[in-house]
Amino acid sequence: MNDAHDTPTLRRPVPTLAALGDRLPPHLYFIVSAVFHYLGPAFAVLLFARVEPLGVAWLRIASAALIFAVWRRPWRYFLQQDVAARWNIVGLGVVLGCMNLCFYLAIDRLPLGTVGAMEFLGPIALALAGTRTRRNVVALAVAVAGVWMLTHVRIVGEATGFVFAFANCALFMLYIVLGHRAAKDGGGEGIDRLAAAMLVALLLVMPFGLRDAATALVSPGLLAAGIGIGISSSVIPYVCDQLAMARLPRATFALLLALLPATASVIGIVVLHQIPGSLEMTGIALVIVGVNLHRVSNR
């Protein structure tokens, strides 16, 4: 007869971050990312009058990198990877660093709506490349029309601003490609890779933005605003992106990015009481119709 102490005790396994992420629909993570994507610029407005754009970019990346370092200890994960995986992490980090620098330099010279519209050109190309049905082509066309109505693309501003805006567009497209590659093994793996990549991004931007950020480092209010930018613009949305990318095809995720201008309009209504006109409301409706028309492929 077996002793009672010999009977193994059954314990419920502790769910991992990836397992917790699988319990919620991936589109929900995308919506959360979209909302916080526009809270970051709200904090940035507070800083632009006191801190140069490169300094704001440094504060965003530095605060996000510090949070990821405390949370995930990414150097351990990095050292455990093979050479190919390490280069992928370095590549994502370089893209994140350059993308943030170009984005802030662009919006310092051009209207945010113009930069946002140009940024969407990359996801359009990715969505079109992944489109396999006539229905999805129509969905993409409808969503693009809605984005055009929302953003009112205007060719104004400095020529240098357009250089940075186009560079940001190309880097944003690379972020989607490399971000999906990082997320291929699930949310937990992807977040560890993202955390390591953010440290690489910090090393990259250190020579460009540290001096401009010095003003904020000695001011508690400005420093708090910079940390807020890092949390709302990099930590929350990038983590949500990884959880969504792990379960959504790249073309579908690229098309969903059409919701970003619509999300900005909704935030403007609720928070800033900026009521959109008939053209903007039509644009929001077209984006929603386009996203709902799209069907996820089996790829």
Protein backbone atom coordinates (compact mmCIF):
# COMPACT_ATOMS: atom_id res chain seq x y z
CA MET A 1 0.00 0.00 0.00
CA ASN A 2 1.37 3.39 -0.96
CA ASP A 3 2.03 5.91 1.73
CA ALA A 4 0.01 9.12 1.48
CA HIS A 5 3.21 11.10 1.35
CA ASP A 6 4.24 9.21 -1.80
CA THR A 7 1.28 10.55 -3.73
CA PRO A 8 2.45 13.44 -5.88
CA THR A 9 0.74 16.75 -5.27
CA LEU A 10 -0.90 18.17 -8.36
CA ARG A 11 -0.26 21.86 -8.73
CA ARG A 12 -1.89 24.14 -11.22
CA PRO A 13 0.83 25.60 -13.45
CA VAL A 14 1.38 29.32 -13.27
CA PRO A 15 0.24 30.82 -16.58
CA THR A 16 2.92 32.54 -18.63
CA LEU A 17 2.53 35.96 -20.19
CA ALA A 18 1.98 34.34 -23.58
CA ALA A 19 -0.74 32.06 -22.13
CA LEU A 20 -2.46 35.04 -20.53
CA GLY A 21 -2.20 36.89 -23.83
CA ASP A 22 -3.92 34.06 -25.70
CA ARG A 23 -7.03 34.41 -23.55
CA LEU A 24 -7.94 37.77 -25.09
CA PRO A 25 -8.60 38.47 -28.78
CA PRO A 26 -5.58 39.93 -30.59
CA HIS A 27 -7.66 42.83 -31.94
CA LEU A 28 -8.16 44.03 -28.34
CA TYR A 29 -4.41 44.40 -27.88
CA PHE A 30 -4.25 46.38 -31.09
CA ILE A 31 -6.95 48.77 -29.89
CA VAL A 32 -5.09 49.34 -26.61
CA SER A 33 -1.91 50.01 -28.58
CA ALA A 34 -3.75 52.47 -30.84
CA VAL A 35 -5.14 54.42 -27.88
CA PHE A 36 -1.81 54.75 -26.11
CA HIS A 37 -0.11 55.56 -29.40
CA TYR A 38 -1.80 58.97 -29.22
CA LEU A 39 -1.40 59.58 -25.50
CA GLY A 40 2.36 59.78 -26.04
CA PRO A 41 2.19 62.79 -28.38
CA ALA A 42 -0.08 64.47 -25.82
CA PHE A 43 2.78 64.26 -23.30
CA ALA A 44 5.28 65.31 -25.98
CA VAL A 45 3.40 68.58 -26.50
CA LEU A 46 4.23 69.39 -22.88
CA LEU A 47 7.93 68.91 -23.55
CA PHE A 48 8.48 70.41 -27.00
CA ALA A 49 8.48 73.95 -25.62
CA ARG A 50 11.31 73.11 -23.21
CA VAL A 51 13.16 70.15 -24.75
CA GLU A 52 14.45 69.71 -28.30
CA PRO A 53 12.90 66.88 -30.39
CA LEU A 54 15.98 64.65 -30.15
CA GLY A 55 15.92 65.11 -26.38
CA VAL A 56 12.28 64.04 -26.23
CA ALA A 57 13.11 60.98 -28.35
CA TRP A 58 15.95 60.11 -25.96
CA LEU A 59 13.71 60.45 -22.91
CA ARG A 60 11.10 58.20 -24.53
CA ILE A 61 13.57 55.46 -25.40
CA ALA A 62 15.62 55.73 -22.20
CA SER A 63 12.61 55.48 -19.88
CA ALA A 64 11.16 52.56 -21.87
CA ALA A 65 14.52 50.77 -21.90
CA LEU A 66 14.86 51.19 -18.13
CA ILE A 67 11.37 49.81 -17.51
CA PHE A 68 12.01 46.82 -19.76
CA ALA A 69 15.38 46.23 -18.09
CA VAL A 70 13.84 46.07 -14.61
CA TRP A 71 10.89 43.99 -15.78
CA ARG A 72 12.47 41.44 -18.18
CA ARG A 73 16.27 41.42 -17.51
CA PRO A 74 16.75 41.25 -21.32
CA TRP A 75 20.54 40.85 -21.26
CA ARG A 76 20.08 37.31 -19.93
CA TYR A 77 17.79 36.46 -22.81
CA PHE A 78 20.15 38.07 -25.34
CA LEU A 79 23.16 36.06 -24.15
CA GLN A 80 21.20 32.79 -24.45
CA GLN A 81 20.44 33.31 -28.15
CA ASP A 82 22.41 32.17 -31.18
CA VAL A 83 24.18 34.60 -33.49
CA ALA A 84 21.28 34.90 -35.95
CA ALA A 85 18.78 35.71 -33.19
CA ARG A 86 21.12 38.30 -31.70
CA TRP A 87 21.45 40.06 -35.05
CA ASN A 88 17.65 40.12 -35.40
CA ILE A 89 17.41 41.78 -31.99
CA VAL A 90 20.11 44.30 -32.90
CA GLY A 91 18.29 45.02 -36.18
CA LEU A 92 15.00 45.67 -34.39
CA GLY A 93 16.77 47.92 -31.89
CA VAL A 94 18.40 49.98 -34.65
CA VAL A 95 15.04 50.36 -36.38
CA LEU A 96 13.31 51.44 -33.14
CA GLY A 97 15.99 54.00 -32.37
CA CYS A 98 16.13 55.52 -35.86
CA MET A 99 12.34 55.43 -36.23
CA ASN A 100 11.80 57.44 -33.06
CA LEU A 101 14.46 60.00 -33.99
CA CYS A 102 13.03 60.51 -37.48
CA PHE A 103 9.44 60.70 -36.18
CA TYR A 104 10.17 63.53 -33.74
CA LEU A 105 12.33 65.40 -36.24
CA ALA A 106 9.51 65.10 -38.79
CA ILE A 107 6.67 66.32 -36.55
CA ASP A 108 8.88 69.23 -35.47
CA ARG A 109 8.79 70.43 -39.09
CA LEU A 110 5.53 69.12 -40.54
CA PRO A 111 1.91 68.84 -39.35
CA LEU A 112 1.30 65.63 -37.41
CA GLY A 113 -1.51 64.66 -39.81
CA THR A 114 0.85 64.86 -42.77
CA VAL A 115 3.50 62.72 -41.05
CA GLY A 116 0.83 60.23 -39.97
CA ALA A 117 -0.51 59.91 -43.51
CA MET A 118 2.97 59.36 -44.92
CA GLU A 119 3.72 56.83 -42.18
CA PHE A 120 0.73 54.79 -43.33
CA LEU A 121 2.26 54.35 -46.83
CA GLY A 122 4.48 51.53 -45.52
CA PRO A 123 1.66 49.48 -43.96
CA ILE A 124 -0.34 49.98 -47.18
CA ALA A 125 2.48 48.32 -49.12
CA LEU A 126 2.68 45.45 -46.63
CA ALA A 127 -1.09 44.94 -46.62
CA LEU A 128 -1.15 44.95 -50.42
CA ALA A 129 1.75 42.46 -50.57
CA GLY A 130 -0.17 40.10 -48.26
CA THR A 131 -3.52 40.50 -50.00
CA ARG A 132 -4.74 37.33 -51.69
CA THR A 133 -8.44 37.91 -52.40
CA ARG A 134 -10.52 40.47 -54.26
CA ARG A 135 -12.46 41.14 -51.06
CA ASN A 136 -9.28 42.14 -49.22
CA VAL A 137 -8.19 44.40 -52.09
CA VAL A 138 -11.53 46.22 -51.80
CA ALA A 139 -11.13 46.37 -48.00
CA LEU A 140 -7.68 47.92 -48.38
CA ALA A 141 -8.92 50.49 -50.91
CA VAL A 142 -11.81 51.52 -48.65
CA ALA A 143 -9.52 51.86 -45.61
CA VAL A 144 -6.98 53.93 -47.59
CA ALA A 145 -9.75 56.28 -48.76
CA GLY A 146 -10.84 56.72 -45.14
CA VAL A 147 -7.30 57.50 -43.99
CA TRP A 148 -6.94 60.10 -46.76
CA MET A 149 -10.14 61.84 -45.61
CA LEU A 150 -8.98 61.80 -41.99
CA THR A 151 -5.47 63.10 -42.50
CA HIS A 152 -5.96 65.77 -45.19
CA VAL A 153 -2.50 65.28 -46.66
CA ARG A 154 -1.01 68.68 -47.46
CA ILE A 155 2.36 69.32 -49.07
CA VAL A 156 3.54 72.01 -46.69
CA GLY A 157 6.59 72.53 -44.51
CA GLU A 158 10.32 72.19 -44.98
CA ALA A 159 11.89 69.81 -47.46
CA THR A 160 13.99 68.37 -44.61
CA GLY A 161 10.77 67.45 -42.81
CA PHE A 162 9.69 65.29 -45.73
CA VAL A 163 13.05 63.52 -45.74
CA PHE A 164 12.56 62.57 -42.10
CA ALA A 165 8.89 61.68 -42.71
CA PHE A 166 9.73 59.32 -45.59
CA ALA A 167 12.55 57.80 -43.53
CA ASN A 168 10.12 57.28 -40.66
CA CYS A 169 7.69 55.60 -43.10
CA ALA A 170 10.35 53.13 -44.29
CA LEU A 171 11.47 52.41 -40.72
CA PHE A 172 7.87 51.91 -39.57
CA MET A 173 7.46 49.28 -42.29
CA LEU A 174 10.66 47.56 -41.11
CA TYR A 175 9.33 47.68 -37.53
CA ILE A 176 6.24 45.72 -38.63
CA VAL A 177 8.36 43.12 -40.45
CA LEU A 178 10.94 42.69 -37.67
CA GLY A 179 8.28 42.95 -34.96
CA HIS A 180 6.40 40.02 -36.50
CA ARG A 181 9.64 38.07 -36.69
CA ALA A 182 10.23 38.76 -32.98
CA ALA A 183 6.69 37.69 -32.11
CA LYS A 184 6.74 34.42 -34.05
CA ASP A 185 7.33 32.26 -30.96
CA GLY A 186 4.59 33.87 -28.87
CA GLY A 187 4.01 36.93 -26.72
CA GLY A 188 6.53 36.12 -23.96
CA GLU A 189 9.43 35.44 -26.35
CA GLY A 190 8.54 38.50 -28.41
CA ILE A 191 8.51 40.80 -25.37
CA ASP A 192 11.94 39.54 -24.26
CA ARG A 193 13.28 40.30 -27.74
CA LEU A 194 11.59 43.69 -27.69
CA ALA A 195 13.14 44.48 -24.29
CA ALA A 196 16.61 43.58 -25.55
CA ALA A 197 16.05 45.60 -28.72
CA MET A 198 15.07 48.65 -26.66
CA LEU A 199 18.45 48.56 -24.92
CA VAL A 200 20.10 48.52 -28.34
CA ALA A 201 17.94 51.50 -29.35
CA LEU A 202 19.07 53.39 -26.25
CA LEU A 203 22.75 52.83 -27.10
CA LEU A 204 22.06 54.06 -30.63
CA VAL A 205 20.32 57.32 -29.66
CA MET A 206 22.61 58.13 -26.73
CA PRO A 207 25.02 60.35 -28.75
CA PHE A 208 22.16 62.23 -30.46
CA GLY A 209 19.69 63.05 -27.71
CA LEU A 210 21.37 62.97 -24.30
CA ARG A 211 22.60 66.57 -24.40
CA ASP A 212 19.19 67.87 -25.52
CA ALA A 213 17.52 65.87 -22.74
CA ALA A 214 19.75 67.35 -20.02
CA THR A 215 17.21 70.08 -19.25
CA ALA A 216 14.57 67.49 -18.36
CA LEU A 217 16.96 65.42 -16.25
CA VAL A 218 17.26 68.23 -13.70
CA SER A 219 13.54 69.09 -13.69
CA PRO A 220 11.22 66.64 -11.87
CA GLY A 221 8.17 67.79 -13.83
CA LEU A 222 9.80 67.48 -17.24
CA LEU A 223 11.41 64.17 -16.27
CA ALA A 224 8.02 62.80 -15.19
CA ALA A 225 6.56 63.88 -18.53
CA GLY A 226 9.41 62.12 -20.35
CA ILE A 227 8.78 58.92 -18.40
CA GLY A 228 5.10 59.24 -19.26
CA ILE A 229 6.03 59.43 -22.94
CA GLY A 230 8.14 56.28 -22.63
CA ILE A 231 5.36 54.32 -20.93
CA SER A 232 2.51 55.46 -23.17
CA SER A 233 4.42 55.58 -26.46
CA SER A 234 6.83 52.64 -26.21
CA VAL A 235 6.14 50.24 -23.33
CA ILE A 236 2.37 49.73 -23.51
CA PRO A 237 1.86 49.94 -27.30
CA TYR A 238 4.95 47.89 -28.22
CA VAL A 239 4.02 45.13 -25.75
CA CYS A 240 0.47 45.11 -27.09
CA ASP A 241 1.86 45.01 -30.63
CA GLN A 242 3.84 41.89 -29.77
CA LEU A 243 0.79 40.18 -28.27
CA ALA A 244 -1.24 41.07 -31.37
CA MET A 245 1.50 40.23 -33.90
CA ALA A 246 1.95 36.78 -32.36
CA ARG A 247 -1.58 35.85 -33.54
CA LEU A 248 -2.32 38.09 -36.53
CA PRO A 249 -0.91 37.75 -40.08
CA ARG A 250 1.38 40.61 -41.05
CA ALA A 251 -0.99 41.89 -43.77
CA THR A 252 -3.91 41.95 -41.34
CA PHE A 253 -1.91 43.85 -38.74
CA ALA A 254 -0.79 46.33 -41.40
CA LEU A 255 -4.39 46.94 -42.47
CA LEU A 256 -5.52 47.41 -38.86
CA LEU A 257 -3.07 50.31 -38.63
CA ALA A 258 -5.64 52.22 -40.67
CA LEU A 259 -7.54 52.50 -37.38
CA LEU A 260 -4.88 54.81 -35.92
CA PRO A 261 -6.19 58.05 -37.49
CA ALA A 262 -9.74 57.06 -36.54
CA THR A 263 -8.59 56.39 -32.97
CA ALA A 264 -6.95 59.82 -32.87
CA SER A 265 -10.24 61.42 -33.92
CA VAL A 266 -12.16 59.56 -31.19
CA ILE A 267 -9.62 60.66 -28.56
CA GLY A 268 -9.99 64.21 -29.84
CA ILE A 269 -13.76 64.02 -29.35
CA VAL A 270 -13.65 62.48 -25.86
CA VAL A 271 -10.60 64.22 -24.36
CA LEU A 272 -10.17 67.47 -26.29
CA HIS A 273 -13.79 68.01 -27.39
CA GLN A 274 -12.61 68.40 -30.98
CA ILE A 275 -15.72 67.50 -32.96
CA PRO A 276 -14.78 66.27 -36.48
CA GLY A 277 -16.48 67.59 -39.59
CA SER A 278 -18.46 65.61 -42.13
CA LEU A 279 -15.34 64.65 -44.12
CA GLU A 280 -13.60 63.28 -41.02
CA MET A 281 -16.73 61.37 -39.94
CA THR A 282 -16.95 59.84 -43.42
CA GLY A 283 -13.28 58.87 -43.15
CA ILE A 284 -13.85 57.16 -39.79
CA ALA A 285 -16.79 55.24 -41.25
CA LEU A 286 -14.76 54.11 -44.29
CA VAL A 287 -11.88 52.90 -42.10
CA ILE A 288 -14.28 50.86 -39.95
CA VAL A 289 -15.96 49.39 -43.06
CA GLY A 290 -12.59 48.53 -44.63
CA VAL A 291 -11.30 46.77 -41.52
CA ASN A 292 -14.54 44.80 -41.17
CA LEU A 293 -14.47 43.77 -44.85
CA HIS A 294 -11.00 42.29 -44.48
CA ARG A 295 -10.77 38.55 -43.88
CA VAL A 296 -7.73 36.92 -42.24
CA SER A 297 -5.94 34.52 -44.54
CA ASN A 298 -4.82 31.05 -43.46
CA ARG A 299 -1.18 31.93 -43.96
